[in-house]
Amino acid sequence: MTLGYLKNFLTILIGVLVVSIGGVVNLYFSDKIGLVFWLGIISVGVLVCGALRVMVQIEKLLKRLGEL
């Protein structure tokens, strides 16, 4: 993938992560801790791992571009 695509994908991923965290926090404060809450917690974890992986790919591309 190119650097531009990865940066755009990271932006979208961070946006979805923020909305997911907001939903989980809302469920917690509403005292609705059930299946949806725990699925939200798991999805936040998966999204964080995905964002970190995209950041690593961006760093690799930037390092490769710096060597040129």
PDB file of N, CA and C in Angstrom:
ATOM      1  N   MET A   1       0.835  -1.188   0.000  1.00  0.00           N
ATOM      2  CA  MET A   1       0.000   0.000   0.000  1.00  0.00           C
ATOM      3  C   MET A   1       0.875   1.245   0.000  1.00  0.00           C
ATOM      4  N   THR A   2       0.324   2.305  -0.455  1.00  0.00           N
ATOM      5  CA  THR A   2       1.081   3.543  -0.443  1.00  0.00           C
ATOM      6  C   THR A   2       0.860   4.271   0.878  1.00  0.00           C
ATOM      7  N   LEU A   3       1.703   5.237   1.095  1.00  0.00           N
ATOM      8  CA  LEU A   3       1.660   5.990   2.347  1.00  0.00           C
ATOM      9  C   LEU A   3       0.348   6.754   2.500  1.00  0.00           C
ATOM     10  N   GLY A   4      -0.152   7.314   1.419  1.00  0.00           N
ATOM     11  CA  GLY A   4      -1.409   8.070   1.474  1.00  0.00           C
ATOM     12  C   GLY A   4      -2.582   7.210   1.888  1.00  0.00           C
ATOM     13  N   TYR A   5      -2.674   6.008   1.326  1.00  0.00           N
ATOM     14  CA  TYR A   5      -3.759   5.106   1.690  1.00  0.00           C
ATOM     15  C   TYR A   5      -3.685   4.710   3.160  1.00  0.00           C
ATOM     16  N   LEU A   6      -2.466   4.435   3.619  1.00  0.00           N
ATOM     17  CA  LEU A   6      -2.310   4.045   5.021  1.00  0.00           C
ATOM     18  C   LEU A   6      -2.682   5.183   5.963  1.00  0.00           C
ATOM     19  N   LYS A   7      -2.313   6.410   5.610  1.00  0.00           N
ATOM     20  CA  LYS A   7      -2.657   7.550   6.467  1.00  0.00           C
ATOM     21  C   LYS A   7      -4.167   7.765   6.503  1.00  0.00           C
ATOM     22  N   ASN A   8      -4.822   7.630   5.362  1.00  0.00           N
ATOM     23  CA  ASN A   8      -6.280   7.771   5.333  1.00  0.00           C
ATOM     24  C   ASN A   8      -6.954   6.648   6.121  1.00  0.00           C
ATOM     25  N   PHE A   9      -6.457   5.425   5.970  1.00  0.00           N
ATOM     26  CA  PHE A   9      -7.019   4.294   6.698  1.00  0.00           C
ATOM     27  C   PHE A   9      -6.839   4.484   8.201  1.00  0.00           C
ATOM     28  N   LEU A  10      -5.681   5.003   8.615  1.00  0.00           N
ATOM     29  CA  LEU A  10      -5.440   5.252  10.037  1.00  0.00           C
ATOM     30  C   LEU A  10      -6.394   6.310  10.570  1.00  0.00           C
ATOM     31  N   THR A  11      -6.664   7.332   9.775  1.00  0.00           N
ATOM     32  CA  THR A  11      -7.602   8.376  10.188  1.00  0.00           C
ATOM     33  C   THR A  11      -8.991   7.797  10.420  1.00  0.00           C
ATOM     34  N   ILE A  12      -9.453   6.962   9.500  1.00  0.00           N
ATOM     35  CA  ILE A  12     -10.763   6.333   9.637  1.00  0.00           C
ATOM     36  C   ILE A  12     -10.775   5.395  10.840  1.00  0.00           C
ATOM     37  N   LEU A  13      -9.702   4.643  11.004  1.00  0.00           N
ATOM     38  CA  LEU A  13      -9.601   3.703  12.119  1.00  0.00           C
ATOM     39  C   LEU A  13      -9.649   4.422  13.461  1.00  0.00           C
ATOM     40  N   ILE A  14      -8.959   5.548  13.574  1.00  0.00           N
ATOM     41  CA  ILE A  14      -8.975   6.321  14.812  1.00  0.00           C
ATOM     42  C   ILE A  14     -10.366   6.893  15.068  1.00  0.00           C
ATOM     43  N   GLY A  15     -11.048   7.328  14.014  1.00  0.00           N
ATOM     44  CA  GLY A  15     -12.412   7.836  14.168  1.00  0.00           C
ATOM     45  C   GLY A  15     -13.359   6.773  14.681  1.00  0.00           C
ATOM     46  N   VAL A  16     -13.273   5.575  14.111  1.00  0.00           N
ATOM     47  CA  VAL A  16     -14.117   4.469  14.569  1.00  0.00           C
ATOM     48  C   VAL A  16     -13.761   4.093  16.002  1.00  0.00           C
ATOM     49  N   LEU A  17     -12.493   4.162  16.334  1.00  0.00           N
ATOM     50  CA  LEU A  17     -12.046   3.855  17.692  1.00  0.00           C
ATOM     51  C   LEU A  17     -12.627   4.848  18.696  1.00  0.00           C
ATOM     52  N   VAL A  18     -12.618   6.125  18.365  1.00  0.00           N
ATOM     53  CA  VAL A  18     -13.161   7.144  19.267  1.00  0.00           C
ATOM     54  C   VAL A  18     -14.660   6.935  19.483  1.00  0.00           C
ATOM     55  N   VAL A  19     -15.377   6.650  18.397  1.00  0.00           N
ATOM     56  CA  VAL A  19     -16.821   6.417  18.511  1.00  0.00           C
ATOM     57  C   VAL A  19     -17.097   5.159  19.335  1.00  0.00           C
ATOM     58  N   SER A  20     -16.300   4.118  19.130  1.00  0.00           N
ATOM     59  CA  SER A  20     -16.488   2.871  19.890  1.00  0.00           C
ATOM     60  C   SER A  20     -16.219   3.082  21.374  1.00  0.00           C
ATOM     61  N   ILE A  21     -15.170   3.803  21.687  1.00  0.00           N
ATOM     62  CA  ILE A  21     -14.871   4.089  23.089  1.00  0.00           C
ATOM     63  C   ILE A  21     -16.004   4.897  23.708  1.00  0.00           C
ATOM     64  N   GLY A  22     -16.528   5.863  22.971  1.00  0.00           N
ATOM     65  CA  GLY A  22     -17.661   6.646  23.472  1.00  0.00           C
ATOM     66  C   GLY A  22     -18.874   5.783  23.741  1.00  0.00           C
ATOM     67  N   GLY A  23     -19.139   4.826  22.870  1.00  0.00           N
ATOM     68  CA  GLY A  23     -20.267   3.920  23.074  1.00  0.00           C
ATOM     69  C   GLY A  23     -20.083   3.035  24.286  1.00  0.00           C
ATOM     70  N   VAL A  24     -18.866   2.538  24.471  1.00  0.00           N
ATOM     71  CA  VAL A  24     -18.587   1.675  25.627  1.00  0.00           C
ATOM     72  C   VAL A  24     -18.703   2.472  26.920  1.00  0.00           C
ATOM     73  N   VAL A  25     -18.173   3.683  26.931  1.00  0.00           N
ATOM     74  CA  VAL A  25     -18.268   4.525  28.127  1.00  0.00           C
ATOM     75  C   VAL A  25     -19.725   4.857  28.436  1.00  0.00           C
ATOM     76  N   ASN A  26     -20.504   5.130  27.390  1.00  0.00           N
ATOM     77  CA  ASN A  26     -21.929   5.419  27.575  1.00  0.00           C
ATOM     78  C   ASN A  26     -22.655   4.212  28.177  1.00  0.00           C
ATOM     79  N   LEU A  27     -22.338   3.024  27.690  1.00  0.00           N
ATOM     80  CA  LEU A  27     -22.949   1.825  28.260  1.00  0.00           C
ATOM     81  C   LEU A  27     -22.541   1.642  29.722  1.00  0.00           C
ATOM     82  N   TYR A  28     -21.280   1.942  30.031  1.00  0.00           N
ATOM     83  CA  TYR A  28     -20.800   1.794  31.406  1.00  0.00           C
ATOM     84  C   TYR A  28     -21.517   2.759  32.348  1.00  0.00           C
ATOM     85  N   PHE A  29     -21.630   4.026  31.921  1.00  0.00           N
ATOM     86  CA  PHE A  29     -22.288   5.011  32.783  1.00  0.00           C
ATOM     87  C   PHE A  29     -23.789   4.794  32.862  1.00  0.00           C
ATOM     88  N   SER A  30     -24.380   4.148  31.870  1.00  0.00           N
ATOM     89  CA  SER A  30     -25.805   3.823  31.916  1.00  0.00           C
ATOM     90  C   SER A  30     -26.064   2.551  32.703  1.00  0.00           C
ATOM     91  N   ASP A  31     -24.995   1.936  33.205  1.00  0.00           N
ATOM     92  CA  ASP A  31     -25.065   0.694  33.968  1.00  0.00           C
ATOM     93  C   ASP A  31     -25.714  -0.427  33.148  1.00  0.00           C
ATOM     94  N   LYS A  32     -25.363  -0.489  31.866  1.00  0.00           N
ATOM     95  CA  LYS A  32     -25.855  -1.542  30.972  1.00  0.00           C
ATOM     96  C   LYS A  32     -24.687  -2.439  30.566  1.00  0.00           C
ATOM     97  N   ILE A  33     -24.081  -3.042  31.568  1.00  0.00           N
ATOM     98  CA  ILE A  33     -22.922  -3.893  31.314  1.00  0.00           C
ATOM     99  C   ILE A  33     -23.438  -5.297  30.997  1.00  0.00           C
ATOM    100  N   GLY A  34     -23.406  -5.613  29.724  1.00  0.00           N
ATOM    101  CA  GLY A  34     -23.884  -6.910  29.260  1.00  0.00           C
ATOM    102  C   GLY A  34     -23.045  -7.359  28.076  1.00  0.00           C
ATOM    103  N   LEU A  35     -23.665  -8.123  27.202  1.00  0.00           N
ATOM    104  CA  LEU A  35     -22.963  -8.674  26.055  1.00  0.00           C
ATOM    105  C   LEU A  35     -22.454  -7.574  25.125  1.00  0.00           C
ATOM    106  N   VAL A  36     -23.268  -6.578  24.867  1.00  0.00           N
ATOM    107  CA  VAL A  36     -22.862  -5.498  23.959  1.00  0.00           C
ATOM    108  C   VAL A  36     -21.677  -4.726  24.536  1.00  0.00           C
ATOM    109  N   PHE A  37     -21.663  -4.514  25.824  1.00  0.00           N
ATOM    110  CA  PHE A  37     -20.546  -3.830  26.475  1.00  0.00           C
ATOM    111  C   PHE A  37     -19.254  -4.611  26.274  1.00  0.00           C
ATOM    112  N   TRP A  38     -19.295  -5.912  26.527  1.00  0.00           N
ATOM    113  CA  TRP A  38     -18.086  -6.724  26.407  1.00  0.00           C
ATOM    114  C   TRP A  38     -17.647  -6.882  24.958  1.00  0.00           C
ATOM    115  N   LEU A  39     -18.591  -6.952  24.033  1.00  0.00           N
ATOM    116  CA  LEU A  39     -18.221  -6.964  22.614  1.00  0.00           C
ATOM    117  C   LEU A  39     -17.579  -5.632  22.231  1.00  0.00           C
ATOM    118  N   GLY A  40     -18.051  -4.546  22.818  1.00  0.00           N
ATOM    119  CA  GLY A  40     -17.445  -3.239  22.586  1.00  0.00           C
ATOM    120  C   GLY A  40     -16.023  -3.173  23.110  1.00  0.00           C
ATOM    121  N   ILE A  41     -15.805  -3.725  24.286  1.00  0.00           N
ATOM    122  CA  ILE A  41     -14.451  -3.760  24.867  1.00  0.00           C
ATOM    123  C   ILE A  41     -13.515  -4.550  23.959  1.00  0.00           C
ATOM    124  N   ILE A  42     -13.994  -5.694  23.463  1.00  0.00           N
ATOM    125  CA  ILE A  42     -13.175  -6.522  22.571  1.00  0.00           C
ATOM    126  C   ILE A  42     -12.904  -5.785  21.260  1.00  0.00           C
ATOM    127  N   SER A  43     -13.916  -5.118  20.729  1.00  0.00           N
ATOM    128  CA  SER A  43     -13.719  -4.403  19.465  1.00  0.00           C
ATOM    129  C   SER A  43     -12.750  -3.236  19.640  1.00  0.00           C
ATOM    130  N   VAL A  44     -12.775  -2.579  20.779  1.00  0.00           N
ATOM    131  CA  VAL A  44     -11.814  -1.500  21.039  1.00  0.00           C
ATOM    132  C   VAL A  44     -10.397  -2.072  21.066  1.00  0.00           C
ATOM    133  N   GLY A  45     -10.229  -3.207  21.696  1.00  0.00           N
ATOM    134  CA  GLY A  45      -8.910  -3.850  21.718  1.00  0.00           C
ATOM    135  C   GLY A  45      -8.417  -4.214  20.330  1.00  0.00           C
ATOM    136  N   VAL A  46      -9.308  -4.754  19.517  1.00  0.00           N
ATOM    137  CA  VAL A  46      -8.947  -5.123  18.144  1.00  0.00           C
ATOM    138  C   VAL A  46      -8.603  -3.874  17.330  1.00  0.00           C
ATOM    139  N   LEU A  47      -9.382  -2.811  17.503  1.00  0.00           N
ATOM    140  CA  LEU A  47      -9.121  -1.571  16.780  1.00  0.00           C
ATOM    141  C   LEU A  47      -7.794  -0.945  17.191  1.00  0.00           C
ATOM    142  N   VAL A  48      -7.461  -1.007  18.469  1.00  0.00           N
ATOM    143  CA  VAL A  48      -6.179  -0.471  18.937  1.00  0.00           C
ATOM    144  C   VAL A  48      -5.031  -1.267  18.322  1.00  0.00           C
ATOM    145  N   CYS A  49      -5.148  -2.584  18.306  1.00  0.00           N
ATOM    146  CA  CYS A  49      -4.109  -3.417  17.687  1.00  0.00           C
ATOM    147  C   CYS A  49      -3.986  -3.112  16.195  1.00  0.00           C
ATOM    148  N   GLY A  50      -5.105  -2.932  15.533  1.00  0.00           N
ATOM    149  CA  GLY A  50      -5.075  -2.600  14.111  1.00  0.00           C
ATOM    150  C   GLY A  50      -4.432  -1.250  13.861  1.00  0.00           C
ATOM    151  N   ALA A  51      -4.740  -0.267  14.694  1.00  0.00           N
ATOM    152  CA  ALA A  51      -4.151   1.062  14.545  1.00  0.00           C
ATOM    153  C   ALA A  51      -2.644   1.012  14.765  1.00  0.00           C
ATOM    154  N   LEU A  52      -2.222   0.256  15.758  1.00  0.00           N
ATOM    155  CA  LEU A  52      -0.787   0.130  16.009  1.00  0.00           C
ATOM    156  C   LEU A  52      -0.084  -0.543  14.834  1.00  0.00           C
ATOM    157  N   ARG A  53      -0.719  -1.531  14.253  1.00  0.00           N
ATOM    158  CA  ARG A  53      -0.125  -2.223  13.103  1.00  0.00           C
ATOM    159  C   ARG A  53      -0.001  -1.286  11.902  1.00  0.00           C
ATOM    160  N   VAL A  54      -1.021  -0.469  11.668  1.00  0.00           N
ATOM    161  CA  VAL A  54      -0.959   0.498  10.567  1.00  0.00           C
ATOM    162  C   VAL A  54       0.142   1.523  10.836  1.00  0.00           C
ATOM    163  N   MET A  55       0.282   1.952  12.093  1.00  0.00           N
ATOM    164  CA  MET A  55       1.348   2.906  12.426  1.00  0.00           C
ATOM    165  C   MET A  55       2.722   2.310  12.166  1.00  0.00           C
ATOM    166  N   VAL A  56       2.901   1.039  12.467  1.00  0.00           N
ATOM    167  CA  VAL A  56       4.178   0.377  12.198  1.00  0.00           C
ATOM    168  C   VAL A  56       4.445   0.342  10.702  1.00  0.00           C
ATOM    169  N   GLN A  57       3.417   0.049   9.910  1.00  0.00           N
ATOM    170  CA  GLN A  57       3.584   0.030   8.452  1.00  0.00           C
ATOM    171  C   GLN A  57       3.959   1.411   7.932  1.00  0.00           C
ATOM    172  N   ILE A  58       3.349   2.456   8.472  1.00  0.00           N
ATOM    173  CA  ILE A  58       3.677   3.820   8.064  1.00  0.00           C
ATOM    174  C   ILE A  58       5.129   4.132   8.400  1.00  0.00           C
ATOM    175  N   GLU A  59       5.567   3.735   9.599  1.00  0.00           N
ATOM    176  CA  GLU A  59       6.956   3.986   9.997  1.00  0.00           C
ATOM    177  C   GLU A  59       7.926   3.266   9.070  1.00  0.00           C
ATOM    178  N   LYS A  60       7.610   2.033   8.688  1.00  0.00           N
ATOM    179  CA  LYS A  60       8.475   1.293   7.773  1.00  0.00           C
ATOM    180  C   LYS A  60       8.567   1.997   6.425  1.00  0.00           C
ATOM    181  N   LEU A  61       7.433   2.467   5.911  1.00  0.00           N
ATOM    182  CA  LEU A  61       7.447   3.178   4.634  1.00  0.00           C
ATOM    183  C   LEU A  61       8.231   4.478   4.719  1.00  0.00           C
ATOM    184  N   LEU A  62       8.056   5.211   5.830  1.00  0.00           N
ATOM    185  CA  LEU A  62       8.791   6.459   5.993  1.00  0.00           C
ATOM    186  C   LEU A  62      10.298   6.216   6.105  1.00  0.00           C
ATOM    187  N   LYS A  63      10.673   5.159   6.797  1.00  0.00           N
ATOM    188  CA  LYS A  63      12.086   4.826   6.923  1.00  0.00           C
ATOM    189  C   LYS A  63      12.663   4.447   5.554  1.00  0.00           C
ATOM    190  N   ARG A  64      11.896   3.679   4.783  1.00  0.00           N
ATOM    191  CA  ARG A  64      12.334   3.290   3.444  1.00  0.00           C
ATOM    192  C   ARG A  64      12.446   4.504   2.519  1.00  0.00           C
ATOM    193  N   LEU A  65      11.504   5.443   2.655  1.00  0.00           N
ATOM    194  CA  LEU A  65      11.584   6.656   1.850  1.00  0.00           C
ATOM    195  C   LEU A  65      12.758   7.527   2.253  1.00  0.00           C
ATOM    196  N   GLY A  66      13.106   7.520   3.528  1.00  0.00           N
ATOM    197  CA  GLY A  66      14.249   8.304   3.998  1.00  0.00           C
ATOM    198  C   GLY A  66      15.567   7.772   3.476  1.00  0.00           C
ATOM    199  N   GLU A  67      15.624   6.488   3.174  1.00  0.00           N
ATOM    200  CA  GLU A  67      16.853   5.885   2.667  1.00  0.00           C
ATOM    201  C   GLU A  67      17.084   6.187   1.193  1.00  0.00           C
ATOM    202  N   LEU A  68      16.043   6.636   0.495  1.00  0.00           N
ATOM    203  CA  LEU A  68      16.181   6.896  -0.938  1.00  0.00           C
ATOM    204  C   LEU A  68      16.964   8.131  -1.228  1.00  0.00           C
TER     205      LEU A  68
END
